[in-house]
């Protein structure tokens, strides 16, 4: 189809990125391969400069600007990764950058963008608000708007990641790519299909921001009014006409994953692969773990971003441990007198749990005058151990309340 990014454009972008973008490592994982039932390798693009693939497209776009455009500076809108890519690319190119970010953008991403030298403007509650403000500001100030995905130079820059994948895994059978607005998968699929047409390219969207399937069916971009997902890096309302055309022509399949699956993938990467990856960057692995993909080996999973707020990472890990039965929260009621709590704690110790938190609640109107509500968080060894703990408590006369009990 005419108008789509060519292999020549991607190879030219690769030449521009020499000395700018890093060649990120590829890591085989026996543990993940066993879990998904297919030989799987991880493309560690979260170790790229700025912590994501975004510098590839941003630099290629900015480096191609003429002298007049450079003098006017650039502007962009982003929840964080594109912001950092544009900020660093502009600094390397000697161009002023103004970056619009949602007011709730993760603080580490805001701080990093400023540290790369960009002026940051916090605007609106969602990326769409920041995008509208950035486009308006650019038009009014004579700046070039650097779209996060809907531009051929951006797509060509992201496509250099596809070139690297095939250089490192020439016989790749399946390449799995997280999808937000579609710039990354458009570029990767363009490179992969040009060099190895038989390789499957699979896109993965968060189910709370899954616009691509509806857009492909309609033959035009269709949006999700209020994207809702833990994976803020792919929480995009809709693809653009250009990226949708690439996806329709060059991508074999697009699937969705839940936030719960993404949480499990992030935890697995931390624990088994020793990789700290943001939720959007782990979406591809989440799809593999769900077991719904038809995979041709070897499988390459793109870990496309690692800019995760430490506070969010803490919550993700805790949630993941609950999902795996390794962290259990239970509530019960005790007589409000000396020794009642110590007896409960001795019982929990006897069944092999480690108590990490205890909270007392005395103000519940359903409590009797001499009762106390106790919530405990305990470390457990899996779902069977959780069931053993609950059974032991009930056998000793304790009533349990709350989720999972």
Protein backbone atom coordinates (compact mmCIF):
# COMPACT_ATOMS: atom_id res chain seq x y z
CA UNK A 1 0.00 0.00 0.00
CA UNK A 2 1.36 3.43 -0.92
CA UNK A 3 1.97 5.94 1.85
CA UNK A 4 3.33 3.38 4.30
CA UNK A 5 6.84 3.63 5.70
CA UNK A 6 9.44 1.82 3.60
CA UNK A 7 12.42 -0.28 4.58
CA UNK A 8 14.67 2.39 3.03
CA UNK A 9 13.22 5.01 5.39
CA UNK A 10 13.82 2.77 8.39
CA UNK A 11 17.40 2.01 7.37
CA UNK A 12 18.03 5.74 6.88
CA UNK A 13 16.66 6.34 10.38
CA UNK A 14 19.01 3.68 11.73
CA UNK A 15 21.95 5.56 10.21
CA UNK A 16 20.83 8.79 11.91
CA UNK A 17 20.51 7.04 15.25
CA UNK A 18 24.07 5.72 15.32
CA UNK A 19 25.64 7.10 18.48
CA UNK A 20 22.25 8.28 19.76
CA UNK A 21 20.17 5.17 20.41
CA UNK A 22 21.74 2.18 22.12
CA UNK A 23 21.64 -1.35 20.75
CA UNK A 24 19.67 -2.90 23.59
CA UNK A 25 20.35 -6.45 24.75
CA UNK A 26 18.34 -9.56 24.00
CA UNK A 27 17.89 -11.93 26.94
CA UNK A 28 16.73 -15.54 26.66
CA UNK A 29 14.59 -16.71 29.58
CA UNK A 30 14.30 -20.39 30.42
CA UNK A 31 11.77 -19.67 33.16
CA UNK A 32 9.45 -17.71 30.88
CA UNK A 33 9.93 -20.19 28.03
CA UNK A 34 8.77 -23.00 30.33
CA UNK A 35 5.74 -21.01 31.49
CA UNK A 36 4.52 -20.12 27.99
CA UNK A 37 5.55 -23.40 26.35
CA UNK A 38 7.66 -21.77 23.64
CA UNK A 39 11.26 -20.63 23.30
CA UNK A 40 11.05 -16.97 24.30
CA UNK A 41 13.58 -14.15 24.33
CA UNK A 42 13.18 -10.66 25.78
CA UNK A 43 14.21 -7.59 23.83
CA UNK A 44 15.26 -5.25 26.63
CA UNK A 45 14.34 -1.90 25.13
CA UNK A 46 13.47 -0.65 28.63
CA UNK A 47 17.26 -0.28 28.99
CA UNK A 48 17.33 2.22 26.12
CA UNK A 49 18.32 5.84 26.75
CA UNK A 50 15.41 7.64 28.48
CA UNK A 51 14.08 4.22 29.52
CA UNK A 52 12.03 3.43 26.42
CA UNK A 53 12.04 3.08 22.63
CA UNK A 54 10.65 6.60 22.17
CA UNK A 55 14.00 8.28 21.54
CA UNK A 56 14.25 6.38 18.24
CA UNK A 57 11.23 8.03 16.66
CA UNK A 58 11.64 11.39 18.36
CA UNK A 59 15.24 11.83 17.29
CA UNK A 60 14.56 10.76 13.72
CA UNK A 61 11.73 13.30 13.50
CA UNK A 62 13.68 16.19 15.02
CA UNK A 63 16.93 15.47 13.19
CA UNK A 64 15.10 15.84 9.86
CA UNK A 65 13.83 19.36 10.62
CA UNK A 66 15.08 22.23 8.50
CA UNK A 67 16.87 25.29 9.88
CA UNK A 68 13.69 27.40 10.10
CA UNK A 69 11.79 24.64 11.92
CA UNK A 70 14.67 24.12 14.34
CA UNK A 71 14.69 27.82 15.17
CA UNK A 72 11.01 27.64 16.14
CA UNK A 73 11.57 24.76 18.55
CA UNK A 74 9.43 21.70 19.07
CA UNK A 75 6.47 20.78 21.24
CA UNK A 76 4.87 17.49 22.17
CA UNK A 77 2.36 15.88 24.51
CA UNK A 78 3.04 12.71 26.46
CA UNK A 79 2.32 10.80 29.66
CA UNK A 80 6.07 10.40 30.04
CA UNK A 81 8.10 8.25 27.66
CA UNK A 82 7.61 10.28 24.48
CA UNK A 83 8.20 13.39 26.62
CA UNK A 84 11.62 12.15 27.64
CA UNK A 85 12.47 11.01 24.13
CA UNK A 86 11.62 14.42 22.68
CA UNK A 87 13.38 16.28 25.49
CA UNK A 88 16.67 14.42 25.04
CA UNK A 89 16.45 14.42 21.23
CA UNK A 90 15.87 18.17 21.21
CA UNK A 91 18.81 18.75 23.52
CA UNK A 92 21.09 16.61 21.36
CA UNK A 93 19.91 18.53 18.29
CA UNK A 94 20.22 21.97 19.88
CA UNK A 95 16.48 22.62 19.63
CA UNK A 96 14.23 24.11 22.33
CA UNK A 97 11.46 21.77 23.54
CA UNK A 98 8.19 22.44 25.34
CA UNK A 99 6.47 19.31 26.64
CA UNK A 100 2.83 19.10 27.74
CA UNK A 101 2.01 16.34 30.21
CA UNK A 102 -1.21 15.38 32.04
CA UNK A 103 -1.39 16.78 35.55
CA UNK A 104 -1.37 13.24 36.96
CA UNK A 105 1.69 12.11 34.98
CA UNK A 106 4.06 10.04 37.14
CA UNK A 107 6.42 12.35 39.02
CA UNK A 108 9.63 10.51 38.00
CA UNK A 109 8.71 10.97 34.33
CA UNK A 110 8.02 14.69 34.85
CA UNK A 111 11.31 15.16 36.70
CA UNK A 112 13.29 13.23 34.08
CA UNK A 113 11.78 15.29 31.25
CA UNK A 114 12.80 18.50 32.96
CA UNK A 115 16.27 17.09 33.63
CA UNK A 116 16.74 16.52 29.89
CA UNK A 117 16.24 20.26 29.40
CA UNK A 118 12.64 20.61 28.26
CA UNK A 119 10.12 23.09 29.61
CA UNK A 120 7.27 21.03 31.09
CA UNK A 121 3.66 22.24 31.18
CA UNK A 122 1.15 20.15 33.15
CA UNK A 123 -2.22 20.30 31.42
CA UNK A 124 -5.51 18.47 31.98
CA UNK A 125 -6.43 15.14 33.47
CA UNK A 126 -5.71 12.93 30.46
CA UNK A 127 -3.28 12.66 27.57
CA UNK A 128 -5.96 13.95 25.19
CA UNK A 129 -6.08 17.24 27.13
CA UNK A 130 -2.31 17.62 26.98
CA UNK A 131 -2.32 16.74 23.29
CA UNK A 132 -4.87 19.42 22.46
CA UNK A 133 -2.98 22.04 24.49
CA UNK A 134 0.35 21.13 22.88
CA UNK A 135 -0.99 21.36 19.34
CA UNK A 136 -2.61 24.73 20.09
CA UNK A 137 0.56 26.06 21.71
CA UNK A 138 2.76 24.89 18.82
CA UNK A 139 0.50 26.55 16.26
CA UNK A 140 0.54 29.79 18.19
CA UNK A 141 4.30 29.88 18.78
CA UNK A 142 5.62 28.67 15.43
CA UNK A 143 6.92 25.42 16.92
CA UNK A 144 6.90 22.02 15.24
CA UNK A 145 4.57 19.57 16.91
CA UNK A 146 6.22 16.16 17.34
CA UNK A 147 3.37 13.67 17.41
CA UNK A 148 3.97 10.59 19.57
CA UNK A 149 3.04 8.19 16.76
CA UNK A 150 1.18 9.70 13.82
CA UNK A 151 4.09 10.73 11.56
CA UNK A 152 6.18 8.72 9.05
CA UNK A 153 9.50 9.91 10.53
CA UNK A 154 8.43 8.78 13.99
CA UNK A 155 7.26 5.41 12.65
CA UNK A 156 10.52 4.97 10.71
CA UNK A 157 12.54 5.70 13.84
CA UNK A 158 10.58 3.15 15.87
CA UNK A 159 11.10 0.68 13.03
CA UNK A 160 14.81 0.58 13.80
CA UNK A 161 13.88 -1.59 16.76
CA UNK A 162 12.50 -4.14 14.30
CA UNK A 163 15.80 -4.10 12.41
CA UNK A 164 17.67 -4.83 15.64
CA UNK A 165 15.34 -7.69 16.52
CA UNK A 166 16.04 -9.44 13.21
CA UNK A 167 19.78 -8.78 13.46
CA UNK A 168 19.78 -10.47 16.88
CA UNK A 169 17.21 -13.20 16.10
CA UNK A 170 17.32 -13.72 12.31
CA UNK A 171 14.89 -16.65 12.49
CA UNK A 172 12.31 -14.92 14.72
CA UNK A 173 8.97 -16.68 14.37
CA UNK A 174 6.79 -14.27 16.37
CA UNK A 175 7.40 -10.70 17.52
CA UNK A 176 5.07 -9.46 20.27
CA UNK A 177 4.65 -5.69 20.58
CA UNK A 178 2.71 -3.53 23.09
CA UNK A 179 0.31 -1.13 21.33
CA UNK A 180 -0.92 2.30 22.36
CA UNK A 181 -1.26 4.70 19.45
CA UNK A 182 0.45 2.24 17.15
CA UNK A 183 3.71 3.98 16.24
CA UNK A 184 5.97 1.24 17.58
CA UNK A 185 4.15 -1.68 16.03
CA UNK A 186 3.79 0.21 12.73
CA UNK A 187 7.55 0.65 12.52
CA UNK A 188 8.48 -2.79 13.82
CA UNK A 189 6.02 -4.54 11.52
CA UNK A 190 7.27 -2.52 8.54
CA UNK A 191 10.85 -3.64 9.17
CA UNK A 192 10.01 -7.24 10.00
CA UNK A 193 7.63 -7.85 7.11
CA UNK A 194 10.05 -6.29 4.62
CA UNK A 195 12.93 -8.53 5.70
CA UNK A 196 11.13 -11.67 6.91
CA UNK A 197 7.53 -11.74 5.64
CA UNK A 198 6.73 -15.05 7.31
CA UNK A 199 7.39 -13.77 10.83
CA UNK A 200 4.20 -13.16 12.80
CA UNK A 201 3.80 -9.69 14.32
CA UNK A 202 1.33 -9.57 17.19
CA UNK A 203 0.12 -6.41 18.92
CA UNK A 204 -1.09 -6.26 22.52
CA UNK A 205 -3.40 -3.60 23.95
CA UNK A 206 -4.69 -3.13 27.49
CA UNK A 207 -8.36 -4.13 27.61
CA UNK A 208 -9.22 -0.76 29.17
CA UNK A 209 -7.75 1.10 26.19
CA UNK A 210 -8.44 -1.31 23.34
CA UNK A 211 -9.30 0.82 20.32
CA UNK A 212 -7.46 -0.98 17.52
CA UNK A 213 -9.88 -3.89 16.99
CA UNK A 214 -12.87 -1.56 16.67
CA UNK A 215 -10.87 0.75 14.41
CA UNK A 216 -9.83 -2.07 12.11
CA UNK A 217 -13.43 -3.31 11.87
CA UNK A 218 -14.69 0.21 11.09
CA UNK A 219 -11.89 0.93 8.64
CA UNK A 220 -11.12 4.20 10.40
CA UNK A 221 -9.87 5.27 13.84
CA UNK A 222 -12.40 4.64 16.61
CA UNK A 223 -11.64 5.87 20.07
CA UNK A 224 -12.06 4.75 23.67
CA UNK A 225 -13.63 7.75 25.38
CA UNK A 226 -12.02 7.19 28.77
CA UNK A 227 -9.01 4.84 28.59
CA UNK A 228 -8.56 3.10 31.93
CA UNK A 229 -5.55 0.90 32.58
CA UNK A 230 -2.59 0.58 34.89
CA UNK A 231 -0.43 0.74 31.75
CA UNK A 232 -0.37 4.52 31.30
CA UNK A 233 2.19 4.27 28.49
CA UNK A 234 -0.39 2.62 26.19
CA UNK A 235 -3.49 4.37 27.57
CA UNK A 236 -4.25 6.05 24.23
CA UNK A 237 -7.77 6.87 22.99
CA UNK A 238 -7.24 5.69 19.42
CA UNK A 239 -4.70 4.98 16.70
CA UNK A 240 -4.26 7.55 13.95
CA UNK A 241 -5.15 7.01 10.29
CA UNK A 242 -1.49 6.43 9.43
CA UNK A 243 -0.75 3.91 12.18
CA UNK A 244 -4.07 2.16 11.59
CA UNK A 245 -3.15 1.72 7.93
CA UNK A 246 0.17 0.13 8.92
CA UNK A 247 -1.49 -2.17 11.45
CA UNK A 248 -4.17 -3.26 9.00
CA UNK A 249 -1.62 -4.01 6.29
CA UNK A 250 1.35 -5.40 8.21
CA UNK A 251 0.25 -6.78 11.61
CA UNK A 252 -1.03 -10.34 11.88
CA UNK A 253 -3.06 -10.09 15.07
CA UNK A 254 -3.96 -7.66 17.86
CA UNK A 255 -5.09 -9.02 21.24
CA UNK A 256 -5.99 -7.50 24.61
CA UNK A 257 -4.88 -8.23 28.16
CA UNK A 258 -6.32 -7.27 31.53
CA UNK A 259 -4.56 -5.17 34.11
CA UNK A 260 -4.37 -8.27 36.32
CA UNK A 261 -2.41 -10.08 33.62
CA UNK A 262 -0.09 -7.09 33.25
CA UNK A 263 0.53 -7.06 37.00
CA UNK A 264 1.49 -10.73 36.92
CA UNK A 265 3.87 -10.06 34.04
CA UNK A 266 5.58 -7.17 35.83
CA UNK A 267 6.05 -9.30 38.95
CA UNK A 268 7.40 -12.23 36.93
CA UNK A 269 9.92 -10.00 35.17
CA UNK A 270 11.17 -8.60 38.47
CA UNK A 271 11.38 -11.95 40.20
CA UNK A 272 12.52 -14.35 37.48
CA UNK A 273 14.10 -12.21 34.76
CA UNK A 274 15.55 -9.53 37.09
CA UNK A 275 14.08 -6.81 34.84
CA UNK A 276 12.19 -3.77 36.14
CA UNK A 277 9.63 -2.93 33.46
CA UNK A 278 6.70 -0.52 33.50
CA UNK A 279 3.18 -1.95 32.99
CA UNK A 280 2.97 -0.85 29.33
CA UNK A 281 6.34 -2.48 28.67
CA UNK A 282 5.13 -5.78 30.15
CA UNK A 283 1.90 -6.00 28.13
CA UNK A 284 3.44 -8.29 25.51
CA UNK A 285 4.58 -10.80 28.10
CA UNK A 286 1.14 -10.63 29.74
CA UNK A 287 -0.39 -11.86 26.49
CA UNK A 288 2.01 -14.80 26.35
CA UNK A 289 1.23 -15.77 29.94
CA UNK A 290 -2.50 -15.74 29.16
CA UNK A 291 -1.85 -18.60 26.75
CA UNK A 292 -4.23 -17.37 24.05
CA UNK A 293 -1.67 -16.61 21.32
CA UNK A 294 -0.72 -18.93 18.49
CA UNK A 295 3.07 -18.76 18.73
CA UNK A 296 5.72 -19.61 16.18
CA UNK A 297 9.15 -20.07 17.79
CA UNK A 298 11.38 -18.39 18.60
CA UNK A 299 9.21 -15.73 20.20
CA UNK A 300 10.60 -12.22 20.74
CA UNK A 301 8.79 -10.11 23.33
CA UNK A 302 9.49 -6.38 23.29
CA UNK A 303 9.93 -4.91 26.78
CA UNK A 304 9.49 -1.40 25.48
CA UNK A 305 9.64 0.76 28.62
CA UNK A 306 11.02 0.78 32.15
CA UNK A 307 9.91 4.14 33.52
CA UNK A 308 7.75 3.00 36.41
CA UNK A 309 6.97 5.09 39.49
CA UNK A 310 8.51 3.29 42.49
CA UNK A 311 5.28 3.75 44.47
CA UNK A 312 3.28 2.15 41.67
CA UNK A 313 5.83 -0.65 41.42
CA UNK A 314 5.39 -1.31 45.13
CA UNK A 315 1.61 -1.60 44.68
CA UNK A 316 2.02 -3.80 41.61
CA UNK A 317 4.33 -6.20 43.43
CA UNK A 318 1.99 -6.43 46.42
CA UNK A 319 -1.02 -7.00 44.16
CA UNK A 320 0.89 -9.65 42.23
CA UNK A 321 1.83 -11.45 45.43
CA UNK A 322 -1.83 -11.51 46.48
CA UNK A 323 -2.76 -12.97 43.06
CA UNK A 324 -0.19 -15.74 43.55
CA UNK A 325 -1.28 -16.55 47.10
CA UNK A 326 1.95 -15.35 48.64
CA UNK A 327 0.41 -12.45 50.52
CA UNK A 328 -2.89 -12.91 52.35
CA UNK A 329 -5.08 -10.33 54.05
CA UNK A 330 -7.68 -11.62 56.50
CA UNK A 331 -10.10 -10.11 59.01
CA UNK A 332 -11.60 -11.59 62.11
CA UNK A 333 -13.12 -10.51 65.41
CA UNK A 334 -11.63 -11.04 68.85
CA UNK A 335 -12.74 -10.51 72.39
CA UNK A 336 -11.29 -7.16 73.47
CA UNK A 337 -9.28 -8.47 76.39
CA UNK A 338 -5.62 -9.29 77.15
CA UNK A 339 -4.18 -12.37 75.44
CA UNK A 340 -6.73 -12.63 72.62
CA UNK A 341 -4.40 -11.26 69.95
CA UNK A 342 -1.37 -13.22 71.16
CA UNK A 343 -3.34 -16.50 70.91
CA UNK A 344 -4.28 -15.64 67.31
CA UNK A 345 -0.66 -14.81 66.45
CA UNK A 346 0.59 -18.07 67.97
CA UNK A 347 -1.90 -19.98 65.84
CA UNK A 348 -0.74 -18.18 62.70
CA UNK A 349 2.89 -18.91 63.56
CA UNK A 350 1.98 -22.57 64.03
CA UNK A 351 0.75 -22.85 60.44
CA UNK A 352 3.92 -21.24 59.04
CA UNK A 353 2.86 -17.70 58.23
CA UNK A 354 4.83 -14.53 58.79
CA UNK A 355 2.69 -11.64 60.04
CA UNK A 356 3.72 -8.34 58.43
CA UNK A 357 0.92 -6.01 59.57
CA UNK A 358 -1.83 -5.90 62.20
CA UNK A 359 -4.60 -3.31 62.47
CA UNK A 360 -7.28 -2.96 65.17
CA UNK A 361 -10.69 -1.42 64.47
CA UNK A 362 -13.03 -0.63 67.34
CA UNK A 363 -15.44 1.88 65.75
CA UNK A 364 -17.47 -0.45 63.52
CA UNK A 365 -21.13 -0.06 64.66
CA UNK A 366 -21.71 -3.80 64.10
CA UNK A 367 -19.14 -4.68 66.80
CA UNK A 368 -20.26 -5.66 70.26
CA UNK A 369 -19.01 -3.48 73.09
CA UNK A 370 -16.26 -5.92 74.09
CA UNK A 371 -15.22 -6.94 70.56
CA UNK A 372 -12.41 -5.71 68.30
CA UNK A 373 -12.07 -6.15 64.57
CA UNK A 374 -8.55 -7.25 63.56
CA UNK A 375 -7.06 -7.14 60.06
CA UNK A 376 -3.84 -9.04 59.46
CA UNK A 377 -1.52 -9.21 56.47
CA UNK A 378 0.54 -12.39 56.36
CA UNK A 379 3.12 -13.88 54.03
CA UNK A 380 2.09 -17.28 52.68
CA UNK A 381 3.52 -19.91 50.33
CA UNK A 382 0.80 -20.14 47.69
CA UNK A 383 -2.91 -20.75 47.34
CA UNK A 384 -2.82 -24.14 49.08
CA UNK A 385 -1.12 -22.58 52.08
CA UNK A 386 -3.71 -19.76 52.14
CA UNK A 387 -6.48 -22.39 52.27
CA UNK A 388 -4.63 -24.20 55.08
CA UNK A 389 -4.34 -20.96 57.09
CA UNK A 390 -8.04 -20.14 56.70
CA UNK A 391 -9.04 -23.71 57.60
CA UNK A 392 -6.91 -23.69 60.75
CA UNK A 393 -8.45 -20.42 61.91
CA UNK A 394 -11.99 -21.63 61.34
CA UNK A 395 -11.22 -24.94 63.07
CA UNK A 396 -10.20 -22.91 66.14
CA UNK A 397 -13.43 -20.94 66.15
CA UNK A 398 -12.40 -17.75 64.31
CA UNK A 399 -14.86 -16.26 61.82
CA UNK A 400 -13.20 -14.73 58.76
CA UNK A 401 -14.41 -11.70 56.82
CA UNK A 402 -13.37 -9.89 53.70
CA UNK A 403 -12.33 -10.83 50.13
CA UNK A 404 -11.04 -14.33 49.54
CA UNK A 405 -12.33 -15.69 52.84
